[in-house]
Amino acid sequence: MDRDLRLNSIDRYVKSSPRFVLEEHSGCEVPAGCGGVVLRWRDAKTEVPVRMHVATMNVTEIDVRVDGGRLPSSRPLLAPGPHELTIDLVAATNATAQFLFYARLAPDTSPVTPQDAIPLLTTAVSQPWEWTELLDPTPGAPVAADADWRPMVPGELPADEKERGYQVSRLARDGAAPLTTPDWVPHLRVRTRFEIEPER
């Protein structure tokens, strides 16, 4: 019998790879002195990590999707190329729904936005954000092909920062701005499109 065994040379068994990126996601310490860390390989050519943050005001329910699918986390891996972001909002009964959105490429795994970060998509720039009223409030339900899509309009942040909440204040500091509808709409879908360049 041939006992001269050879180690498998697949990239997942080595500490470096010309194609895959090894990410460290989290660590932990326990009183016994043991620790742990979550590692993940990703394909740098087909999977681009994008950190997404959304904050709302006067909203009771929210559903965020990219290309029709729910996000598995706030740092999904997306393929290079064009994408469509949709956000379903259920407005509170006393005011129009408002939201802020910020997304950036995230080769690092930290949720904190670096000071020199360049946004991939945000509600602060002249990005065409559109909305339409939803007759079927089921999350992800299709809208009619002839739906009336209208441009979002600038919203307004509360003057008192304490009334904004942590997430709204954080995104405002990162450069996002609130968007809303001209009048109160009970259920609406917001959409915009963006494109991801392949990692170099």
Protein backbone atom coordinates (compact mmCIF):
# COMPACT_ATOMS: atom_id res chain seq x y z
CA MET A 1 0.00 0.00 0.00
CA ASP A 2 1.26 3.45 -0.89
CA ARG A 3 1.73 5.30 2.42
CA ASP A 4 3.36 8.36 0.80
CA LEU A 5 0.39 10.70 1.36
CA ARG A 6 0.42 14.28 0.13
CA LEU A 7 -1.27 17.25 1.73
CA ASN A 8 -4.18 18.82 -0.10
CA SER A 9 -3.08 22.09 -1.72
CA ILE A 10 -6.50 23.72 -2.10
CA ASP A 11 -6.43 27.41 -1.16
CA ARG A 12 -8.67 26.94 1.85
CA TYR A 13 -5.94 24.95 3.59
CA VAL A 14 -3.27 27.62 3.34
CA LYS A 15 -2.85 30.99 5.02
CA SER A 16 -2.67 33.04 1.83
CA SER A 17 -4.11 32.88 -1.65
CA PRO A 18 -3.74 34.91 -4.85
CA ARG A 19 -7.49 34.75 -5.42
CA PHE A 20 -9.23 34.37 -2.04
CA VAL A 21 -9.25 36.82 0.86
CA LEU A 22 -9.22 35.47 4.42
CA GLU A 23 -11.40 37.61 6.70
CA GLU A 24 -11.47 37.71 10.47
CA HIS A 25 -15.01 38.45 11.59
CA SER A 26 -15.12 38.25 15.36
CA GLY A 27 -13.33 37.02 18.40
CA CYS A 28 -14.28 36.12 21.93
CA GLU A 29 -12.72 35.55 25.32
CA VAL A 30 -14.19 33.39 28.07
CA PRO A 31 -13.23 33.12 31.76
CA ALA A 32 -11.52 29.75 31.22
CA GLY A 33 -8.95 31.52 29.07
CA CYS A 34 -10.07 30.01 25.77
CA GLY A 35 -10.76 32.23 22.81
CA GLY A 36 -12.26 31.92 19.40
CA VAL A 37 -12.36 33.70 16.07
CA VAL A 38 -14.58 33.40 13.01
CA LEU A 39 -12.66 33.17 9.72
CA ARG A 40 -14.12 33.22 6.22
CA TRP A 41 -12.63 32.93 2.76
CA ARG A 42 -14.20 35.01 0.02
CA ASP A 43 -13.52 35.20 -3.70
CA ALA A 44 -12.16 38.71 -4.36
CA LYS A 45 -13.13 38.52 -8.05
CA THR A 46 -16.79 37.59 -7.63
CA GLU A 47 -17.69 38.74 -4.08
CA VAL A 48 -17.32 42.37 -3.06
CA PRO A 49 -18.17 43.19 0.58
CA VAL A 50 -20.43 46.23 1.00
CA ARG A 51 -21.27 47.74 4.39
CA MET A 52 -24.85 49.07 4.44
CA HIS A 53 -26.51 51.24 7.09
CA VAL A 54 -30.08 52.49 7.15
CA ALA A 55 -31.85 54.60 9.75
CA THR A 56 -35.47 55.68 9.85
CA MET A 57 -37.75 58.25 11.45
CA ASN A 58 -41.54 57.95 11.74
CA VAL A 59 -41.37 54.35 10.49
CA THR A 60 -42.92 51.30 12.15
CA GLU A 61 -41.63 48.60 9.76
CA ILE A 62 -38.80 48.36 7.24
CA ASP A 63 -37.66 45.74 4.72
CA VAL A 64 -34.37 46.18 2.81
CA ARG A 65 -33.51 44.10 -0.26
CA VAL A 66 -30.90 44.02 -3.00
CA ASP A 67 -31.99 42.58 -6.35
CA GLY A 68 -35.15 41.26 -4.69
CA GLY A 69 -33.39 39.28 -1.96
CA ARG A 70 -33.19 40.03 1.75
CA LEU A 71 -29.74 40.91 3.04
CA PRO A 72 -28.10 38.17 5.11
CA SER A 73 -26.19 40.79 7.11
CA SER A 74 -25.26 44.48 7.10
CA ARG A 75 -22.11 43.52 5.14
CA PRO A 76 -23.37 41.39 2.24
CA LEU A 77 -21.11 40.05 -0.49
CA LEU A 78 -22.31 41.37 -3.85
CA ALA A 79 -21.15 40.53 -7.34
CA PRO A 80 -19.52 43.26 -9.43
CA GLY A 81 -21.99 44.95 -11.76
CA PRO A 82 -25.35 46.77 -11.52
CA HIS A 83 -27.76 46.24 -8.62
CA GLU A 84 -31.13 47.53 -7.45
CA LEU A 85 -31.78 48.46 -3.83
CA THR A 86 -35.36 48.53 -2.55
CA ILE A 87 -36.61 49.64 0.86
CA ASP A 88 -40.20 49.01 1.95
CA LEU A 89 -41.43 51.39 4.65
CA VAL A 90 -44.55 51.47 6.79
CA ALA A 91 -45.13 55.03 7.96
CA ALA A 92 -46.28 56.02 11.40
CA THR A 93 -49.75 57.58 11.49
CA ASN A 94 -48.62 61.03 12.60
CA ALA A 95 -45.88 61.95 10.08
CA THR A 96 -44.32 61.06 6.75
CA ALA A 97 -41.73 58.29 6.73
CA GLN A 98 -38.11 59.43 6.54
CA PHE A 99 -34.92 57.41 6.08
CA LEU A 100 -31.17 57.84 5.71
CA PHE A 101 -28.96 55.36 3.86
CA TYR A 102 -25.20 54.95 3.60
CA ALA A 103 -23.19 52.20 1.87
CA ARG A 104 -19.47 51.82 1.31
CA LEU A 105 -17.09 49.18 0.06
CA ALA A 106 -15.90 47.30 3.13
CA PRO A 107 -12.74 45.25 2.66
CA ASP A 108 -12.36 45.50 6.43
CA THR A 109 -14.87 43.84 8.74
CA SER A 110 -15.28 46.75 11.17
CA PRO A 111 -18.78 48.31 11.28
CA VAL A 112 -17.24 51.71 12.07
CA THR A 113 -17.03 54.02 9.06
CA PRO A 114 -13.44 55.23 8.52
CA GLN A 115 -12.96 58.99 8.31
CA ASP A 116 -11.53 58.68 4.78
CA ALA A 117 -14.25 56.32 3.54
CA ILE A 118 -15.74 57.06 0.12
CA PRO A 119 -19.47 56.23 0.00
CA LEU A 120 -20.69 53.84 -2.64
CA LEU A 121 -24.30 54.94 -2.21
CA THR A 122 -25.91 57.50 0.05
CA THR A 123 -29.04 59.61 0.38
CA ALA A 124 -26.88 62.75 0.48
CA VAL A 125 -25.90 62.91 -3.20
CA SER A 126 -27.88 63.52 -6.37
CA GLN A 127 -28.73 59.85 -6.67
CA PRO A 128 -32.14 59.12 -8.27
CA TRP A 129 -34.14 57.77 -5.32
CA GLU A 130 -37.75 57.01 -6.28
CA TRP A 131 -40.84 55.87 -4.40
CA THR A 132 -44.22 54.36 -5.14
CA GLU A 133 -47.18 53.56 -2.92
CA LEU A 134 -47.64 49.88 -2.09
CA LEU A 135 -51.15 48.49 -2.36
CA ASP A 136 -49.92 45.12 -1.06
CA PRO A 137 -47.91 45.76 2.14
CA THR A 138 -46.40 42.26 2.13
CA PRO A 139 -42.58 42.65 2.28
CA GLY A 140 -41.02 42.04 -1.11
CA ALA A 141 -44.36 41.86 -2.92
CA PRO A 142 -44.08 42.78 -6.61
CA VAL A 143 -45.34 46.14 -7.78
CA ALA A 144 -47.29 46.72 -10.96
CA ALA A 145 -45.29 47.25 -14.14
CA ASP A 146 -47.02 50.60 -14.61
CA ALA A 147 -46.47 51.76 -11.03
CA ASP A 148 -46.16 55.50 -10.59
CA TRP A 149 -42.58 56.09 -9.43
CA ARG A 150 -41.88 59.60 -8.15
CA PRO A 151 -38.72 61.27 -6.86
CA MET A 152 -38.06 61.38 -3.13
CA VAL A 153 -37.77 64.83 -1.57
CA PRO A 154 -35.37 66.09 1.14
CA GLY A 155 -36.47 65.38 4.69
CA GLU A 156 -35.60 67.22 7.87
CA LEU A 157 -33.63 66.17 10.94
CA PRO A 158 -34.92 67.12 14.39
CA ALA A 159 -33.07 70.16 15.71
CA ASP A 160 -32.39 68.39 19.01
CA GLU A 161 -29.85 65.64 18.40
CA LYS A 162 -31.28 63.65 21.32
CA GLU A 163 -34.55 63.29 19.39
CA ARG A 164 -32.76 61.84 16.35
CA GLY A 165 -31.55 58.66 18.00
CA TYR A 166 -28.10 57.11 17.75
CA GLN A 167 -28.40 55.54 14.29
CA VAL A 168 -29.82 58.66 12.62
CA SER A 169 -27.16 60.85 14.21
CA ARG A 170 -24.44 58.42 13.17
CA LEU A 171 -25.48 58.33 9.52
CA ALA A 172 -25.88 62.11 9.46
CA ARG A 173 -22.29 62.42 10.73
CA ASP A 174 -21.19 60.02 7.97
CA GLY A 175 -22.76 62.34 5.41
CA ALA A 176 -26.20 60.82 4.75
CA ALA A 177 -29.25 63.08 4.55
CA PRO A 178 -32.92 62.24 5.21
CA LEU A 179 -35.33 61.60 2.34
CA THR A 180 -39.11 61.50 2.51
CA THR A 181 -42.31 61.80 0.46
CA PRO A 182 -44.17 65.07 -0.19
CA ASP A 183 -47.27 63.79 1.61
CA TRP A 184 -48.10 61.03 4.07
CA VAL A 185 -48.13 57.58 2.46
CA PRO A 186 -48.98 54.55 4.64
CA HIS A 187 -46.95 51.94 2.73
CA LEU A 188 -44.25 52.75 0.20
CA ARG A 189 -41.35 51.23 -1.64
CA VAL A 190 -38.17 53.18 -2.31
CA ARG A 191 -35.74 52.13 -5.00
CA THR A 192 -32.43 53.18 -6.50
CA ARG A 193 -29.73 51.56 -8.60
CA PHE A 194 -26.00 51.38 -8.09
CA GLU A 195 -22.99 49.63 -9.60
CA ILE A 196 -20.05 47.86 -8.02
CA GLU A 197 -16.64 47.79 -9.65
CA PRO A 198 -14.53 44.64 -9.31
CA GLU A 199 -11.89 44.72 -6.60
CA ARG A 200 -8.41 45.39 -7.91
